[in-house]
N, C-alpha and C. Protein backbone atom coordinates (compact mmCIF):
# COMPACT_ATOMS: atom_id res chain seq x y z
N UNK A 1 105.44 112.88 6.06
CA UNK A 1 103.31 113.26 7.08
C UNK A 1 103.17 112.67 8.07
N UNK A 2 104.07 111.79 9.20
CA UNK A 2 103.41 111.45 9.63
C UNK A 2 104.04 112.46 11.08
N UNK A 3 105.36 113.43 11.02
CA UNK A 3 106.03 113.79 12.00
C UNK A 3 105.66 115.44 11.48
N UNK A 4 104.51 115.93 10.62
CA UNK A 4 103.73 117.12 10.66
C UNK A 4 102.57 117.04 11.45
N UNK A 5 101.99 116.02 11.56
CA UNK A 5 100.55 115.32 12.37
C UNK A 5 100.96 115.47 13.99
N UNK A 6 102.03 115.17 14.17
CA UNK A 6 102.11 114.98 15.14
C UNK A 6 102.52 115.95 16.61
N UNK A 7 102.55 117.77 16.04
CA UNK A 7 102.52 118.18 16.88
C UNK A 7 101.53 118.90 16.36
N UNK A 8 100.52 118.99 15.89
CA UNK A 8 99.11 118.95 15.55
C UNK A 8 98.48 118.91 16.39
N UNK A 9 98.67 117.56 16.69
CA UNK A 9 97.64 116.12 17.79
C UNK A 9 98.13 117.15 19.43
N UNK A 10 99.51 117.06 19.34
CA UNK A 10 100.12 117.47 20.95
C UNK A 10 99.09 118.71 21.35
N UNK A 11 99.01 119.82 20.21
CA UNK A 11 98.21 121.29 20.76
C UNK A 11 96.95 120.98 21.05
N UNK A 12 96.62 119.90 20.30
CA UNK A 12 94.93 120.04 20.53
C UNK A 12 94.93 118.95 22.14
N UNK A 13 95.51 118.03 22.31
CA UNK A 13 95.64 117.80 23.45
C UNK A 13 95.70 118.41 24.42
N UNK A 14 96.84 119.42 24.01
CA UNK A 14 97.35 120.51 25.20
C UNK A 14 96.14 121.02 25.06
N UNK A 15 95.28 122.05 24.69
CA UNK A 15 93.99 122.53 24.82
C UNK A 15 93.01 121.84 25.40
N UNK A 16 92.74 120.88 25.17
CA UNK A 16 92.23 119.92 25.70
C UNK A 16 91.57 119.47 27.03
N UNK A 17 93.16 119.54 27.43
CA UNK A 17 93.55 119.07 28.92
C UNK A 17 93.74 121.17 29.05
N UNK A 18 93.63 122.01 28.87
CA UNK A 18 93.18 123.33 29.86
C UNK A 18 91.65 123.39 30.01
N UNK A 19 90.88 122.95 28.90
CA UNK A 19 89.83 123.58 29.07
C UNK A 19 89.15 122.76 29.59
N UNK A 20 89.31 121.27 30.05
CA UNK A 20 88.74 120.66 31.06
C UNK A 20 89.25 120.69 32.44
N UNK A 21 90.32 121.39 32.25
CA UNK A 21 91.36 121.70 33.47
C UNK A 21 90.23 123.12 34.12
N UNK A 22 90.18 123.79 33.54
CA UNK A 22 88.97 125.08 34.30
C UNK A 22 87.61 124.22 34.45
N UNK A 23 87.01 123.75 33.29
CA UNK A 23 86.19 122.89 33.99
C UNK A 23 86.08 122.85 35.01
N UNK A 24 86.84 121.19 35.28
CA UNK A 24 86.65 120.69 36.90
C UNK A 24 87.35 121.47 37.85
N UNK A 25 88.21 122.55 37.71
CA UNK A 25 88.47 123.65 38.87
C UNK A 25 87.04 124.04 38.88
N UNK A 26 86.26 124.58 38.16
CA UNK A 26 84.95 125.42 38.31
C UNK A 26 83.71 124.10 39.02
N UNK A 27 84.01 123.31 38.81
CA UNK A 27 83.18 122.47 40.11
C UNK A 27 83.50 122.11 40.81
N UNK A 28 85.19 122.48 41.35
CA UNK A 28 85.25 121.86 42.20
C UNK A 28 85.36 122.95 43.82
N UNK A 29 84.96 124.24 42.32
CA UNK A 29 84.91 125.18 43.52
C UNK A 29 83.69 125.38 43.71
N UNK A 30 82.25 125.24 43.13
CA UNK A 30 81.11 124.87 43.36
C UNK A 30 80.65 124.02 44.33
N UNK A 31 81.36 122.86 44.83
CA UNK A 31 81.06 122.42 45.33
C UNK A 31 82.44 122.29 46.75
N UNK A 32 83.31 122.91 46.51
CA UNK A 32 83.64 123.49 48.02
C UNK A 32 83.59 124.63 48.07
N UNK A 33 82.90 125.60 47.69
CA UNK A 33 81.91 126.60 48.38
C UNK A 33 80.43 126.22 48.95
N UNK A 34 79.64 125.25 48.29
CA UNK A 34 78.95 124.51 49.32
C UNK A 34 79.06 124.15 50.14
N UNK A 35 80.41 123.30 50.11
CA UNK A 35 81.11 122.54 51.73
C UNK A 35 81.08 123.44 52.67
N UNK A 36 81.98 124.45 52.27
CA UNK A 36 82.57 125.87 53.29
C UNK A 36 80.78 126.09 53.69
N UNK A 37 79.90 126.56 53.10
CA UNK A 37 78.83 127.27 53.96
C UNK A 37 77.72 125.79 54.61
N UNK A 38 78.02 124.78 54.12
CA UNK A 38 77.48 124.23 55.01
C UNK A 38 78.67 123.77 56.83
N UNK A 39 80.22 124.04 55.78
CA UNK A 39 80.87 123.75 57.31
C UNK A 39 80.63 124.74 58.37
N UNK A 40 80.08 126.05 58.03
CA UNK A 40 80.05 127.30 58.77
C UNK A 40 78.27 127.02 59.04
N UNK A 41 77.14 126.60 58.70
CA UNK A 41 76.66 126.55 59.86
C UNK A 41 76.42 125.55 60.32
N UNK A 42 77.04 124.44 60.16
CA UNK A 42 77.21 123.85 61.56
C UNK A 42 77.84 123.90 62.79
N UNK A 43 79.29 124.84 62.16
CA UNK A 43 80.04 125.39 62.86
C UNK A 43 79.01 126.43 64.37
N UNK A 44 77.93 127.21 63.28
CA UNK A 44 77.07 128.36 63.71
C UNK A 44 76.32 127.28 65.27
N UNK A 45 75.97 126.33 65.08
CA UNK A 45 75.30 125.58 65.86
C UNK A 45 75.99 124.38 67.21
N UNK A 46 77.02 125.00 66.28
CA UNK A 46 77.93 124.22 67.90
C UNK A 46 79.29 122.86 67.39
N UNK A 47 78.45 122.46 66.47
CA UNK A 47 79.18 121.82 65.78
C UNK A 47 80.85 122.17 65.51
N UNK A 48 81.76 121.03 65.65
CA UNK A 48 82.95 120.94 64.66
C UNK A 48 83.27 119.49 63.76
N UNK A 49 83.95 120.91 62.85
CA UNK A 49 83.92 120.09 61.54
C UNK A 49 85.14 120.13 61.68
N UNK A 50 86.43 118.31 61.65
CA UNK A 50 87.59 118.48 60.95
C UNK A 50 88.04 117.64 60.04
N UNK A 51 88.65 117.96 59.53
CA UNK A 51 88.99 118.07 58.14
C UNK A 51 90.79 116.64 57.92
N UNK A 52 90.24 115.44 58.13
CA UNK A 52 90.88 114.88 58.99
C UNK A 52 90.70 113.27 58.97
N UNK A 53 90.97 112.54 58.84
CA UNK A 53 91.30 110.91 58.89
C UNK A 53 90.21 110.52 60.25
N UNK A 54 88.95 110.00 60.09
CA UNK A 54 88.66 110.25 61.17
C UNK A 54 88.71 108.93 62.55
N UNK A 55 88.24 108.48 63.80
CA UNK A 55 88.78 107.81 64.13
C UNK A 55 88.79 106.31 63.58
N UNK A 56 88.80 105.28 64.50
CA UNK A 56 88.52 103.98 63.93
C UNK A 56 87.46 103.66 64.02
N UNK A 57 86.48 103.08 63.82
CA UNK A 57 84.97 102.34 64.19
C UNK A 57 85.20 101.24 64.69
N UNK A 58 84.46 100.97 65.92
CA UNK A 58 84.61 99.74 66.92
C UNK A 58 86.73 99.45 66.52
N UNK A 59 86.37 97.53 66.35
CA UNK A 59 87.29 97.20 66.56
C UNK A 59 87.50 96.98 65.01
N UNK A 60 87.08 97.59 64.10
CA UNK A 60 87.16 96.74 63.15
C UNK A 60 88.26 97.11 62.05
N UNK A 61 88.85 98.25 62.45
CA UNK A 61 89.53 99.34 61.80
C UNK A 61 89.79 99.69 60.33
N UNK A 62 87.99 100.42 60.51
CA UNK A 62 87.46 100.78 59.22
C UNK A 62 88.05 102.12 59.35
N UNK A 63 88.33 103.09 58.50
CA UNK A 63 88.33 104.28 58.85
C UNK A 63 87.30 104.86 57.55
N UNK A 64 85.92 105.41 58.25
CA UNK A 64 85.11 105.87 57.31
C UNK A 64 85.14 107.15 56.53
N UNK A 65 84.22 107.22 55.62
CA UNK A 65 84.57 108.54 55.16
C UNK A 65 84.41 109.65 55.65
N UNK A 66 83.57 109.08 56.37
CA UNK A 66 82.94 110.42 57.64
C UNK A 66 82.22 110.54 58.76
N UNK A 67 81.81 111.03 59.79
CA UNK A 67 82.11 110.25 61.40
C UNK A 67 81.45 111.35 61.91
N UNK A 68 80.21 111.45 63.33
CA UNK A 68 80.33 112.40 63.59
C UNK A 68 79.67 111.59 65.36
N UNK A 69 80.30 112.48 66.60
CA UNK A 69 80.22 111.99 67.85
C UNK A 69 79.31 112.70 68.16
N UNK A 70 77.99 112.00 68.40
CA UNK A 70 77.32 113.14 68.50
C UNK A 70 77.25 113.61 70.39
N UNK A 71 78.21 112.73 70.97
CA UNK A 71 78.56 113.67 72.50
C UNK A 71 79.57 114.65 72.52
N UNK A 72 80.51 114.84 71.46
CA UNK A 72 81.62 116.18 71.69
C UNK A 72 80.78 116.96 70.40
N UNK A 73 79.94 116.64 69.31
CA UNK A 73 79.13 117.64 68.58
C UNK A 73 80.18 117.27 67.40
N UNK A 74 81.08 116.32 67.52
CA UNK A 74 82.46 116.74 66.20
C UNK A 74 82.33 116.08 64.87
N UNK A 75 82.31 116.35 63.79
CA UNK A 75 82.07 115.55 62.78
C UNK A 75 83.31 115.54 61.90
N UNK A 76 83.82 114.33 61.20
CA UNK A 76 85.23 114.29 61.04
C UNK A 76 85.22 113.77 59.45
N UNK A 77 85.70 114.08 58.14
CA UNK A 77 85.53 114.47 57.16
C UNK A 77 87.02 114.14 56.51
N UNK A 78 86.97 112.53 55.96
CA UNK A 78 87.99 112.06 55.44
C UNK A 78 88.66 112.72 54.27
N UNK A 79 90.27 113.34 54.21
CA UNK A 79 90.27 114.08 53.49
C UNK A 79 90.34 113.61 52.20
N UNK A 80 90.60 111.99 52.18
CA UNK A 80 90.46 111.74 50.46
C UNK A 80 88.92 112.04 49.69
N UNK A 81 88.38 112.14 50.22
CA UNK A 81 86.91 112.32 49.78
C UNK A 81 86.95 113.66 49.30
N UNK A 82 88.03 114.45 48.92
CA UNK A 82 88.49 115.91 48.41
C UNK A 82 88.47 115.57 46.89
N UNK A 83 89.15 114.46 47.11
CA UNK A 83 89.85 113.73 45.68
C UNK A 83 88.71 112.74 45.42
N UNK A 84 88.18 112.17 45.82
CA UNK A 84 87.18 111.15 45.13
C UNK A 84 85.87 112.40 44.87
N UNK A 85 86.03 113.64 44.43
CA UNK A 85 85.32 114.36 44.69
C UNK A 85 83.48 114.48 45.43
N UNK A 86 83.40 113.56 46.45
CA UNK A 86 82.18 113.54 47.21
C UNK A 86 82.36 114.21 48.64
N UNK A 87 83.07 114.77 48.71
CA UNK A 87 83.33 116.25 49.91
C UNK A 87 81.47 116.08 50.06
N UNK A 88 80.78 116.98 49.73
CA UNK A 88 80.02 117.35 49.72
C UNK A 88 78.51 116.94 50.37
N UNK A 89 78.18 115.68 49.71
CA UNK A 89 77.80 114.82 50.10
C UNK A 89 77.81 114.19 51.34
N UNK A 90 79.21 113.78 51.13
CA UNK A 90 79.36 113.24 52.82
C UNK A 90 79.08 114.14 54.25
N UNK A 91 79.89 115.80 54.10
CA UNK A 91 79.05 116.33 55.13
C UNK A 91 77.49 116.08 54.53
N UNK A 92 76.79 116.52 54.19
CA UNK A 92 75.47 116.63 54.09
C UNK A 92 75.00 115.29 54.98
N UNK A 93 75.90 114.07 54.35
CA UNK A 93 75.11 112.40 55.09
C UNK A 93 75.91 113.01 56.62
N UNK A 94 76.80 113.67 56.82
CA UNK A 94 76.54 113.93 58.16
C UNK A 94 76.41 114.83 59.14
N UNK A 95 75.82 115.70 58.42
CA UNK A 95 74.61 116.74 58.92
C UNK A 95 73.47 116.40 59.05
N UNK A 96 73.39 115.88 58.45
CA UNK A 96 71.98 114.89 58.55
C UNK A 96 71.68 114.26 59.87
N UNK A 97 73.27 113.65 60.33
CA UNK A 97 73.31 113.07 61.87
C UNK A 97 73.56 113.93 62.97
N UNK A 98 74.27 115.48 62.36
CA UNK A 98 74.18 116.95 63.33
C UNK A 98 72.27 116.79 64.02
N UNK A 99 72.03 117.35 62.80
CA UNK A 99 70.45 117.78 63.34
C UNK A 99 69.60 116.61 63.88
N UNK A 100 70.06 115.36 63.65
CA UNK A 100 69.39 114.12 64.54
C UNK A 100 69.43 113.85 65.95
N UNK A 101 70.63 114.88 66.05
CA UNK A 101 71.86 115.09 67.58
C UNK A 101 70.78 116.35 68.34
N UNK A 102 70.71 117.03 67.58
CA UNK A 102 69.78 118.09 67.36
C UNK A 102 68.61 117.81 68.00
N UNK A 103 68.02 117.48 67.10
CA UNK A 103 65.93 116.49 67.35
C UNK A 103 66.23 115.85 69.17
N UNK A 104 67.54 115.18 69.76
CA UNK A 104 67.72 113.91 70.40
C UNK A 104 68.00 114.74 71.55
N UNK A 105 68.05 115.94 71.42
CA UNK A 105 69.19 116.58 72.55
C UNK A 105 70.07 116.21 72.98
N UNK A 106 70.90 115.87 71.74
CA UNK A 106 72.15 114.86 72.62
C UNK A 106 72.73 113.72 72.15
N UNK A 107 71.09 113.31 71.91
CA UNK A 107 71.16 112.11 71.29
C UNK A 107 70.53 112.00 70.47
N UNK A 108 71.39 110.77 69.40
CA UNK A 108 71.07 110.64 67.73
C UNK A 108 69.48 109.91 68.00
N UNK A 109 68.86 110.74 67.10
CA UNK A 109 67.35 110.20 67.07
C UNK A 109 66.68 110.61 65.49
N UNK A 110 65.78 109.99 65.21
CA UNK A 110 65.12 110.34 63.71
C UNK A 110 64.47 112.18 64.10
N UNK A 111 64.40 112.42 62.24
CA UNK A 111 64.00 113.85 62.21
C UNK A 111 62.95 113.74 61.80
N UNK A 112 62.10 114.66 61.64
CA UNK A 112 60.65 114.46 60.92
C UNK A 112 61.25 115.15 59.20
N UNK A 113 60.94 113.85 58.40
CA UNK A 113 61.72 113.61 57.06
C UNK A 113 60.44 113.29 56.29
N UNK A 114 60.12 113.63 55.75
CA UNK A 114 58.37 113.54 54.65
C UNK A 114 59.49 112.72 53.09
N UNK A 115 60.26 111.76 53.31
CA UNK A 115 60.89 111.51 51.83
C UNK A 115 61.10 109.75 52.04
N UNK A 116 60.75 109.08 51.55
CA UNK A 116 61.58 107.71 51.43
C UNK A 116 62.57 107.35 50.94
N UNK A 117 63.33 106.45 51.23
CA UNK A 117 64.78 106.20 50.50
C UNK A 117 64.45 105.50 49.20
N UNK A 118 64.73 105.98 48.40
CA UNK A 118 65.43 105.33 46.68
C UNK A 118 65.81 104.07 47.28
N UNK A 119 65.69 103.62 46.61
CA UNK A 119 65.99 102.20 46.58
C UNK A 119 67.61 101.68 46.08
N UNK A 120 67.70 102.15 45.17
CA UNK A 120 69.44 102.04 45.12
C UNK A 120 70.18 102.36 46.27
N UNK A 121 69.83 103.09 47.66
CA UNK A 121 70.16 103.81 48.65
C UNK A 121 70.33 102.61 50.01
N UNK A 122 69.43 101.41 49.57
CA UNK A 122 69.13 100.66 50.66
C UNK A 122 70.11 99.56 50.82
N UNK A 123 71.14 99.61 50.09
CA UNK A 123 72.39 98.47 50.45
C UNK A 123 73.22 98.66 51.32
N UNK A 124 73.10 100.41 51.21
CA UNK A 124 74.17 101.37 51.99
C UNK A 124 73.45 101.56 53.68
N UNK A 125 72.37 101.27 54.14
CA UNK A 125 71.86 101.04 55.41
C UNK A 125 70.69 99.80 56.09
N UNK A 126 71.43 99.02 54.85
CA UNK A 126 70.32 98.23 55.19
C UNK A 126 71.35 96.95 55.91
N UNK A 127 72.84 97.21 56.92
CA UNK A 127 73.88 96.59 56.84
C UNK A 127 73.93 96.69 58.10
N UNK A 128 72.91 97.87 58.58
CA UNK A 128 72.73 98.62 60.16
C UNK A 128 71.46 97.22 60.73
N UNK A 129 71.13 97.40 61.74
CA UNK A 129 70.50 96.83 62.23
C UNK A 129 69.55 97.92 63.37
N UNK A 130 68.41 97.44 63.33
CA UNK A 130 67.01 98.16 63.94
C UNK A 130 67.05 99.46 64.47
N UNK A 131 66.91 100.08 64.97
CA UNK A 131 67.24 101.99 65.02
C UNK A 131 68.23 102.42 64.82
N UNK A 132 69.50 102.33 64.47
CA UNK A 132 70.44 102.14 63.64
C UNK A 132 70.36 102.87 62.34
N UNK A 133 69.32 101.69 61.57
CA UNK A 133 68.94 101.18 59.81
C UNK A 133 68.23 102.54 59.53
N UNK A 134 67.51 102.81 60.71
CA UNK A 134 66.70 103.85 60.27
C UNK A 134 67.51 105.24 60.65
N UNK A 135 67.94 105.23 61.37
CA UNK A 135 69.31 106.93 61.34
C UNK A 135 70.12 107.52 59.96
N UNK A 136 70.57 105.84 59.91
CA UNK A 136 71.10 105.74 58.69
C UNK A 136 70.49 106.29 56.78
N UNK A 137 69.31 105.48 57.25
CA UNK A 137 68.30 105.81 56.37
C UNK A 137 67.81 106.90 55.65
N UNK A 138 67.83 107.83 56.47
CA UNK A 138 67.40 109.55 56.77
C UNK A 138 68.56 109.92 55.94
N UNK A 139 70.03 109.88 56.76
CA UNK A 139 71.06 110.51 56.34
C UNK A 139 71.22 110.09 54.92
N UNK A 140 71.43 108.59 54.02
CA UNK A 140 71.09 108.18 52.79
C UNK A 140 70.37 108.65 52.39
N UNK A 141 69.37 108.86 52.28
CA UNK A 141 67.93 109.77 51.55
C UNK A 141 68.51 110.68 51.19
N UNK A 142 68.68 112.04 52.35
CA UNK A 142 68.91 113.06 52.30
C UNK A 142 70.45 113.25 51.63
N UNK A 143 70.90 112.91 51.31
CA UNK A 143 71.95 112.76 50.96
C UNK A 143 72.18 112.90 49.41
N UNK A 144 71.26 111.93 48.63
CA UNK A 144 71.53 111.37 47.35
C UNK A 144 70.17 112.59 46.80
N UNK A 145 69.42 113.36 47.22
CA UNK A 145 68.00 114.35 46.77
C UNK A 145 69.38 115.29 46.12
N UNK A 146 68.11 116.02 44.72
CA UNK A 146 68.67 117.14 44.14
C UNK A 146 68.90 118.22 45.00
N UNK A 147 68.03 118.07 45.37
CA UNK A 147 68.27 119.84 46.51
C UNK A 147 68.49 119.41 48.19
N UNK A 148 69.70 117.98 47.84
CA UNK A 148 69.83 117.59 50.05
C UNK A 148 70.94 118.91 50.56
N UNK A 149 71.59 120.13 49.90
CA UNK A 149 72.16 121.22 50.60
C UNK A 149 70.85 121.53 51.29
N UNK A 150 69.66 122.25 50.27
CA UNK A 150 68.94 122.76 50.99
C UNK A 150 68.01 122.08 52.60
N UNK A 151 67.59 120.78 51.50
CA UNK A 151 66.73 120.09 52.71
C UNK A 151 67.36 119.65 54.32
N UNK A 152 69.32 119.73 54.34
CA UNK A 152 69.92 119.84 55.20
C UNK A 152 69.69 120.91 56.09
N UNK A 153 69.56 121.87 55.13
CA UNK A 153 69.78 123.38 55.90
C UNK A 153 68.75 123.58 56.67
N UNK A 154 67.59 122.99 56.54
CA UNK A 154 65.96 122.96 56.82
C UNK A 154 66.11 122.25 57.84
N UNK A 155 66.68 121.44 57.92
CA UNK A 155 66.40 119.77 59.13
C UNK A 155 67.35 120.75 60.29
N UNK A 156 68.72 121.45 59.92
CA UNK A 156 69.45 121.77 61.20
C UNK A 156 68.59 123.18 61.58
N UNK A 157 68.24 124.01 60.85
CA UNK A 157 67.44 125.09 61.24
C UNK A 157 66.18 124.76 62.24
N UNK A 158 65.18 123.36 61.78
CA UNK A 158 64.17 123.11 62.68
C UNK A 158 64.76 122.43 64.15
N UNK A 159 65.82 121.84 64.09
CA UNK A 159 66.22 120.94 65.44
C UNK A 159 66.85 121.43 65.99
N UNK A 160 68.34 122.56 65.54
CA UNK A 160 69.31 123.41 66.39
C UNK A 160 69.09 124.11 66.67
N UNK A 161 68.08 125.13 66.11
CA UNK A 161 67.34 126.54 66.71
C UNK A 161 67.40 126.31 68.30
């Protein structure tokens, strides 16, 4: 009896694995297409998007998920974010910084954003000091919005065109 149940259980697991693989593949494709679209928009505004480990920040030795250099208009996206499933939100965060760079004509500055940071985002930007805190608050605020892609594209159009 035990041996007859085992093959059925295996086939059930195989089918479950195949179905869930298809679902996750479609989800990843959706996120990748949005990532690619935003990457194209950024490139159109003169930004360089590199999918590689960002340079170390300060002397901390930390390698962030994303980084933007406003002087060179270079955005680094750490490849690990694709495995973690948050590449889209990391690029959106860095794209807000790109819009801020355009708004400041090469110097990062605040953009016109009519959104308040959600309470749960506070720990992420409160570690920064003064003006940098406001800059990061805007990026985290946009990053977590349900329509974050549309918001960041609008910010880029308003500030980089």
